[in-house]
Structure formats: C-alpha cells, structure tokens
C-alpha cells in the first residue's frame, strides 16, 4: 500500500468537511481507505457505491450498475457483525440490487 496515497486520501477526506464524500472522489477515497481500515471506512464505501449506482450516468449502464452493487454487497458482508452500520448498509445494497433485477 502506497502510504503517500493513503495520506492524500485522508487529507482529501478531512478537507471535504462533509460527513460522507460522494461521487467519484468518494469512491476513490473510501476504496483506498477501506483497504487500510475496513471497519472504519467500509460502511461509507458501501453507502457511496449504492448511491453512485443510482447516478444518472450509471443508471443507463446495467452492467456497471450491477458491478457497483455487487461491490457494495461484498464490502458490507466483509464488515464485522459487531459493526453498528453493517446491517443497514448491507440491507440497503441488497435492496438496491433486488430492485434492479426485478
């Protein structure tokens, strides 16, 4: 893991001054930081993945949308059952995936 990239992601996260960074930047930040601290950043990554799957550009690309939702489910399932956000983000990801395939 490139420590400079980790520091850069943390600086961007802090400078965003938001509870959750969304969009492409949020995906980059949370994907990177989840590799370092999955229990801290994994729930935010899963949240942003589901949110991004509903973006206007992605909505028209079913394969890409499904890939984002699959990633969200994987990330949420990987969280510890003791994580207070696990169930919420997992259910949100599964519901979005079910809605897409129905």
N, C-alpha and C. Protein backbone atom coordinates (compact mmCIF):
# COMPACT_ATOMS: atom_id res chain seq x y z
N UNK A 1 0.85 -1.18 0.00
CA UNK A 1 0.00 0.00 0.00
C UNK A 1 0.90 1.23 0.00
N UNK A 2 0.63 2.13 -0.91
CA UNK A 2 1.38 3.37 -1.03
C UNK A 2 0.92 4.34 0.06
N UNK A 3 1.78 4.58 1.03
CA UNK A 3 1.42 5.44 2.17
C UNK A 3 1.14 6.88 1.76
N UNK A 4 1.79 7.34 0.70
CA UNK A 4 1.51 8.70 0.21
C UNK A 4 0.07 8.81 -0.28
N UNK A 5 -0.41 7.77 -0.94
CA UNK A 5 -1.80 7.76 -1.42
C UNK A 5 -2.78 7.75 -0.25
N UNK A 6 -2.44 6.99 0.78
CA UNK A 6 -3.28 6.93 1.97
C UNK A 6 -3.36 8.31 2.62
N UNK A 7 -2.22 8.96 2.75
CA UNK A 7 -2.19 10.30 3.35
C UNK A 7 -2.99 11.27 2.48
N UNK A 8 -2.82 11.19 1.17
CA UNK A 8 -3.56 12.06 0.27
C UNK A 8 -5.07 11.84 0.40
N UNK A 9 -5.49 10.59 0.51
CA UNK A 9 -6.92 10.29 0.67
C UNK A 9 -7.44 10.85 1.99
N UNK A 10 -6.66 10.73 3.03
CA UNK A 10 -7.10 11.27 4.34
C UNK A 10 -7.18 12.79 4.32
N UNK A 11 -6.23 13.42 3.65
CA UNK A 11 -6.26 14.88 3.55
C UNK A 11 -7.50 15.33 2.76
N UNK A 12 -7.79 14.65 1.67
CA UNK A 12 -8.99 14.98 0.88
C UNK A 12 -10.25 14.77 1.70
N UNK A 13 -10.27 13.71 2.47
CA UNK A 13 -11.43 13.43 3.32
C UNK A 13 -11.62 14.53 4.35
N UNK A 14 -10.54 14.92 4.99
CA UNK A 14 -10.62 15.98 6.00
C UNK A 14 -10.97 17.33 5.39
N UNK A 15 -10.42 17.61 4.22
CA UNK A 15 -10.67 18.90 3.60
C UNK A 15 -12.08 19.00 3.00
N UNK A 16 -12.72 17.87 2.78
CA UNK A 16 -14.08 17.88 2.22
C UNK A 16 -15.07 18.47 3.22
N UNK A 17 -14.78 18.32 4.51
CA UNK A 17 -15.62 18.88 5.57
C UNK A 17 -17.09 18.45 5.44
N UNK A 18 -17.27 17.19 5.06
CA UNK A 18 -18.61 16.60 4.97
C UNK A 18 -18.58 15.27 5.68
N UNK A 19 -19.73 14.84 6.09
CA UNK A 19 -19.81 13.55 6.79
C UNK A 19 -19.49 12.39 5.86
N UNK A 20 -19.98 12.46 4.63
CA UNK A 20 -19.70 11.44 3.62
C UNK A 20 -19.33 12.15 2.32
N UNK A 21 -18.21 11.77 1.76
CA UNK A 21 -17.79 12.31 0.46
C UNK A 21 -18.42 11.44 -0.61
N UNK A 22 -19.10 12.06 -1.53
CA UNK A 22 -19.85 11.31 -2.54
C UNK A 22 -19.17 11.37 -3.90
N UNK A 23 -19.73 10.64 -4.84
CA UNK A 23 -19.27 10.67 -6.22
C UNK A 23 -17.96 9.94 -6.43
N UNK A 24 -17.32 10.26 -7.54
CA UNK A 24 -16.08 9.59 -7.93
C UNK A 24 -14.99 9.81 -6.87
N UNK A 25 -14.92 11.02 -6.33
CA UNK A 25 -13.91 11.29 -5.31
C UNK A 25 -14.14 10.43 -4.07
N UNK A 26 -15.39 10.32 -3.65
CA UNK A 26 -15.71 9.48 -2.50
C UNK A 26 -15.37 8.02 -2.75
N UNK A 27 -15.66 7.53 -3.94
CA UNK A 27 -15.31 6.15 -4.27
C UNK A 27 -13.81 5.94 -4.16
N UNK A 28 -13.03 6.87 -4.70
CA UNK A 28 -11.57 6.74 -4.65
C UNK A 28 -11.08 6.74 -3.20
N UNK A 29 -11.56 7.70 -2.42
CA UNK A 29 -11.13 7.84 -1.03
C UNK A 29 -11.49 6.58 -0.23
N UNK A 30 -12.76 6.19 -0.27
CA UNK A 30 -13.21 5.08 0.56
C UNK A 30 -12.69 3.73 0.08
N UNK A 31 -12.50 3.56 -1.22
CA UNK A 31 -11.90 2.30 -1.69
C UNK A 31 -10.48 2.16 -1.15
N UNK A 32 -9.74 3.23 -1.19
CA UNK A 32 -8.37 3.20 -0.71
C UNK A 32 -8.31 3.01 0.81
N UNK A 33 -9.07 3.81 1.53
CA UNK A 33 -9.01 3.75 2.99
C UNK A 33 -9.64 2.48 3.56
N UNK A 34 -10.57 1.87 2.85
CA UNK A 34 -11.15 0.61 3.30
C UNK A 34 -10.11 -0.50 3.29
N UNK A 35 -9.14 -0.40 2.40
CA UNK A 35 -8.06 -1.39 2.38
C UNK A 35 -7.20 -1.29 3.63
N UNK A 36 -7.11 -0.10 4.20
CA UNK A 36 -6.28 0.15 5.38
C UNK A 36 -7.07 -0.09 6.67
N UNK A 37 -8.30 0.43 6.72
CA UNK A 37 -9.15 0.32 7.90
C UNK A 37 -10.58 -0.05 7.49
N UNK A 38 -10.81 -1.32 7.17
CA UNK A 38 -12.13 -1.71 6.64
C UNK A 38 -13.30 -1.43 7.59
N UNK A 39 -13.11 -1.59 8.86
CA UNK A 39 -14.22 -1.38 9.79
C UNK A 39 -14.59 0.10 9.94
N UNK A 40 -13.65 0.96 9.66
CA UNK A 40 -13.89 2.40 9.78
C UNK A 40 -14.53 2.95 8.51
N UNK A 41 -14.03 2.54 7.36
CA UNK A 41 -14.45 3.13 6.10
C UNK A 41 -15.33 2.25 5.23
N UNK A 42 -15.45 0.98 5.54
CA UNK A 42 -16.22 0.06 4.70
C UNK A 42 -17.69 0.42 4.58
N UNK A 43 -18.31 0.83 5.66
CA UNK A 43 -19.73 1.17 5.59
C UNK A 43 -19.95 2.40 4.72
N UNK A 44 -19.03 3.35 4.78
CA UNK A 44 -19.16 4.54 3.92
C UNK A 44 -18.93 4.18 2.46
N UNK A 45 -18.00 3.27 2.21
CA UNK A 45 -17.78 2.81 0.84
C UNK A 45 -19.04 2.15 0.30
N UNK A 46 -19.62 1.25 1.07
CA UNK A 46 -20.84 0.57 0.62
C UNK A 46 -21.96 1.57 0.35
N UNK A 47 -22.09 2.56 1.22
CA UNK A 47 -23.12 3.60 1.07
C UNK A 47 -22.91 4.37 -0.24
N UNK A 48 -21.68 4.80 -0.49
CA UNK A 48 -21.37 5.59 -1.69
C UNK A 48 -21.51 4.74 -2.94
N UNK A 49 -21.17 3.47 -2.88
CA UNK A 49 -21.34 2.58 -4.04
C UNK A 49 -22.81 2.48 -4.44
N UNK A 50 -23.68 2.29 -3.46
CA UNK A 50 -25.11 2.21 -3.76
C UNK A 50 -25.61 3.54 -4.31
N UNK A 51 -25.18 4.62 -3.70
CA UNK A 51 -25.59 5.94 -4.16
C UNK A 51 -25.13 6.19 -5.60
N UNK A 52 -23.90 5.83 -5.88
CA UNK A 52 -23.35 6.03 -7.23
C UNK A 52 -24.06 5.16 -8.25
N UNK A 53 -24.54 3.98 -7.84
CA UNK A 53 -25.25 3.10 -8.78
C UNK A 53 -26.56 3.73 -9.25
N UNK A 54 -27.05 4.71 -8.53
CA UNK A 54 -28.29 5.40 -8.90
C UNK A 54 -28.04 6.71 -9.64
N UNK A 55 -26.79 7.03 -9.89
CA UNK A 55 -26.49 8.27 -10.60
C UNK A 55 -27.01 8.19 -12.04
N UNK A 56 -27.38 9.31 -12.63
CA UNK A 56 -27.97 9.29 -13.98
C UNK A 56 -27.10 8.59 -15.03
N UNK A 57 -25.79 8.79 -14.99
CA UNK A 57 -24.92 8.16 -15.99
C UNK A 57 -24.87 6.65 -15.82
N UNK A 58 -24.79 6.19 -14.60
CA UNK A 58 -24.66 4.75 -14.33
C UNK A 58 -25.98 4.02 -14.52
N UNK A 59 -27.07 4.70 -14.27
CA UNK A 59 -28.38 4.07 -14.40
C UNK A 59 -28.60 3.49 -15.80
N UNK A 60 -27.97 4.09 -16.79
CA UNK A 60 -28.12 3.64 -18.17
C UNK A 60 -27.12 2.54 -18.55
N UNK A 61 -26.27 2.15 -17.62
CA UNK A 61 -25.26 1.11 -17.87
C UNK A 61 -25.49 -0.04 -16.89
N UNK A 62 -26.38 -0.97 -17.22
CA UNK A 62 -26.76 -2.01 -16.26
C UNK A 62 -25.60 -2.87 -15.76
N UNK A 63 -24.64 -3.16 -16.61
CA UNK A 63 -23.51 -3.99 -16.17
C UNK A 63 -22.67 -3.25 -15.13
N UNK A 64 -22.43 -1.97 -15.39
CA UNK A 64 -21.64 -1.15 -14.46
C UNK A 64 -22.40 -0.97 -13.14
N UNK A 65 -23.70 -0.75 -13.26
CA UNK A 65 -24.53 -0.57 -12.07
C UNK A 65 -24.51 -1.83 -11.20
N UNK A 66 -24.66 -2.98 -11.85
CA UNK A 66 -24.64 -4.25 -11.12
C UNK A 66 -23.28 -4.47 -10.46
N UNK A 67 -22.21 -4.11 -11.14
CA UNK A 67 -20.87 -4.26 -10.58
C UNK A 67 -20.70 -3.40 -9.32
N UNK A 68 -21.23 -2.18 -9.34
CA UNK A 68 -21.15 -1.33 -8.15
C UNK A 68 -21.95 -1.92 -7.00
N UNK A 69 -23.14 -2.44 -7.31
CA UNK A 69 -23.97 -3.03 -6.26
C UNK A 69 -23.37 -4.32 -5.72
N UNK A 70 -22.78 -5.12 -6.60
CA UNK A 70 -22.09 -6.33 -6.14
C UNK A 70 -20.94 -5.96 -5.20
N UNK A 71 -20.19 -4.93 -5.57
CA UNK A 71 -19.09 -4.48 -4.71
C UNK A 71 -19.63 -3.99 -3.37
N UNK A 72 -20.73 -3.27 -3.37
CA UNK A 72 -21.33 -2.77 -2.13
C UNK A 72 -21.73 -3.92 -1.22
N UNK A 73 -22.33 -4.96 -1.79
CA UNK A 73 -22.73 -6.13 -1.01
C UNK A 73 -21.50 -6.82 -0.42
N UNK A 74 -20.47 -7.01 -1.23
CA UNK A 74 -19.23 -7.64 -0.76
C UNK A 74 -18.60 -6.87 0.39
N UNK A 75 -18.51 -5.56 0.22
CA UNK A 75 -17.90 -4.71 1.25
C UNK A 75 -18.71 -4.79 2.54
N UNK A 76 -20.03 -4.71 2.42
CA UNK A 76 -20.89 -4.75 3.61
C UNK A 76 -20.79 -6.10 4.31
N UNK A 77 -20.79 -7.19 3.54
CA UNK A 77 -20.68 -8.52 4.14
C UNK A 77 -19.35 -8.73 4.84
N UNK A 78 -18.31 -8.06 4.36
CA UNK A 78 -16.98 -8.21 4.95
C UNK A 78 -16.84 -7.50 6.29
N UNK A 79 -17.76 -6.61 6.59
CA UNK A 79 -17.71 -5.91 7.88
C UNK A 79 -18.02 -6.88 9.01
N UNK A 80 -17.45 -6.61 10.14
CA UNK A 80 -17.71 -7.42 11.33
C UNK A 80 -19.18 -7.32 11.71
N UNK A 81 -19.74 -8.39 12.21
CA UNK A 81 -21.13 -8.35 12.66
C UNK A 81 -21.31 -7.41 13.85
N UNK A 82 -20.21 -7.06 14.50
CA UNK A 82 -20.26 -6.10 15.60
C UNK A 82 -20.30 -4.65 15.10
N UNK A 83 -20.03 -4.45 13.83
CA UNK A 83 -20.05 -3.10 13.27
C UNK A 83 -21.48 -2.58 13.28
N UNK A 84 -21.73 -1.43 13.90
CA UNK A 84 -23.11 -0.94 14.03
C UNK A 84 -23.77 -0.55 12.71
N UNK A 85 -23.00 -0.35 11.65
CA UNK A 85 -23.55 0.06 10.37
C UNK A 85 -23.70 -1.09 9.37
N UNK A 86 -23.15 -2.25 9.71
CA UNK A 86 -23.12 -3.38 8.78
C UNK A 86 -24.50 -3.73 8.25
N UNK A 87 -25.42 -3.99 9.13
CA UNK A 87 -26.75 -4.45 8.72
C UNK A 87 -27.47 -3.42 7.85
N UNK A 88 -27.35 -2.16 8.23
CA UNK A 88 -28.03 -1.10 7.48
C UNK A 88 -27.49 -0.98 6.06
N UNK A 89 -26.17 -0.95 5.90
CA UNK A 89 -25.62 -0.79 4.55
C UNK A 89 -25.79 -2.07 3.73
N UNK A 90 -25.74 -3.23 4.39
CA UNK A 90 -25.95 -4.48 3.68
C UNK A 90 -27.38 -4.55 3.15
N UNK A 91 -28.35 -4.25 3.98
CA UNK A 91 -29.76 -4.27 3.55
C UNK A 91 -30.02 -3.26 2.43
N UNK A 92 -29.39 -2.10 2.53
CA UNK A 92 -29.55 -1.07 1.50
C UNK A 92 -28.99 -1.56 0.16
N UNK A 93 -27.82 -2.18 0.20
CA UNK A 93 -27.19 -2.70 -1.02
C UNK A 93 -28.01 -3.85 -1.61
N UNK A 94 -28.47 -4.76 -0.77
CA UNK A 94 -29.28 -5.89 -1.25
C UNK A 94 -30.61 -5.41 -1.84
N UNK A 95 -31.22 -4.42 -1.20
CA UNK A 95 -32.49 -3.89 -1.70
C UNK A 95 -32.29 -3.21 -3.06
N UNK A 96 -31.22 -2.45 -3.20
CA UNK A 96 -30.94 -1.79 -4.49
C UNK A 96 -30.70 -2.82 -5.58
N UNK A 97 -29.98 -3.87 -5.23
CA UNK A 97 -29.69 -4.93 -6.20
C UNK A 97 -30.98 -5.67 -6.59
N UNK A 98 -31.82 -5.96 -5.60
CA UNK A 98 -33.10 -6.65 -5.88
C UNK A 98 -34.01 -5.78 -6.74
N UNK A 99 -34.02 -4.49 -6.45
CA UNK A 99 -34.85 -3.56 -7.21
C UNK A 99 -34.39 -3.49 -8.67
N UNK A 100 -33.09 -3.57 -8.86
CA UNK A 100 -32.52 -3.51 -10.21
C UNK A 100 -32.89 -4.74 -11.03
N UNK A 101 -32.85 -5.89 -10.40
CA UNK A 101 -33.08 -7.15 -11.12
C UNK A 101 -34.56 -7.52 -11.24
N UNK A 102 -35.42 -6.75 -10.58
CA UNK A 102 -36.85 -7.10 -10.67
C UNK A 102 -37.54 -6.39 -11.80
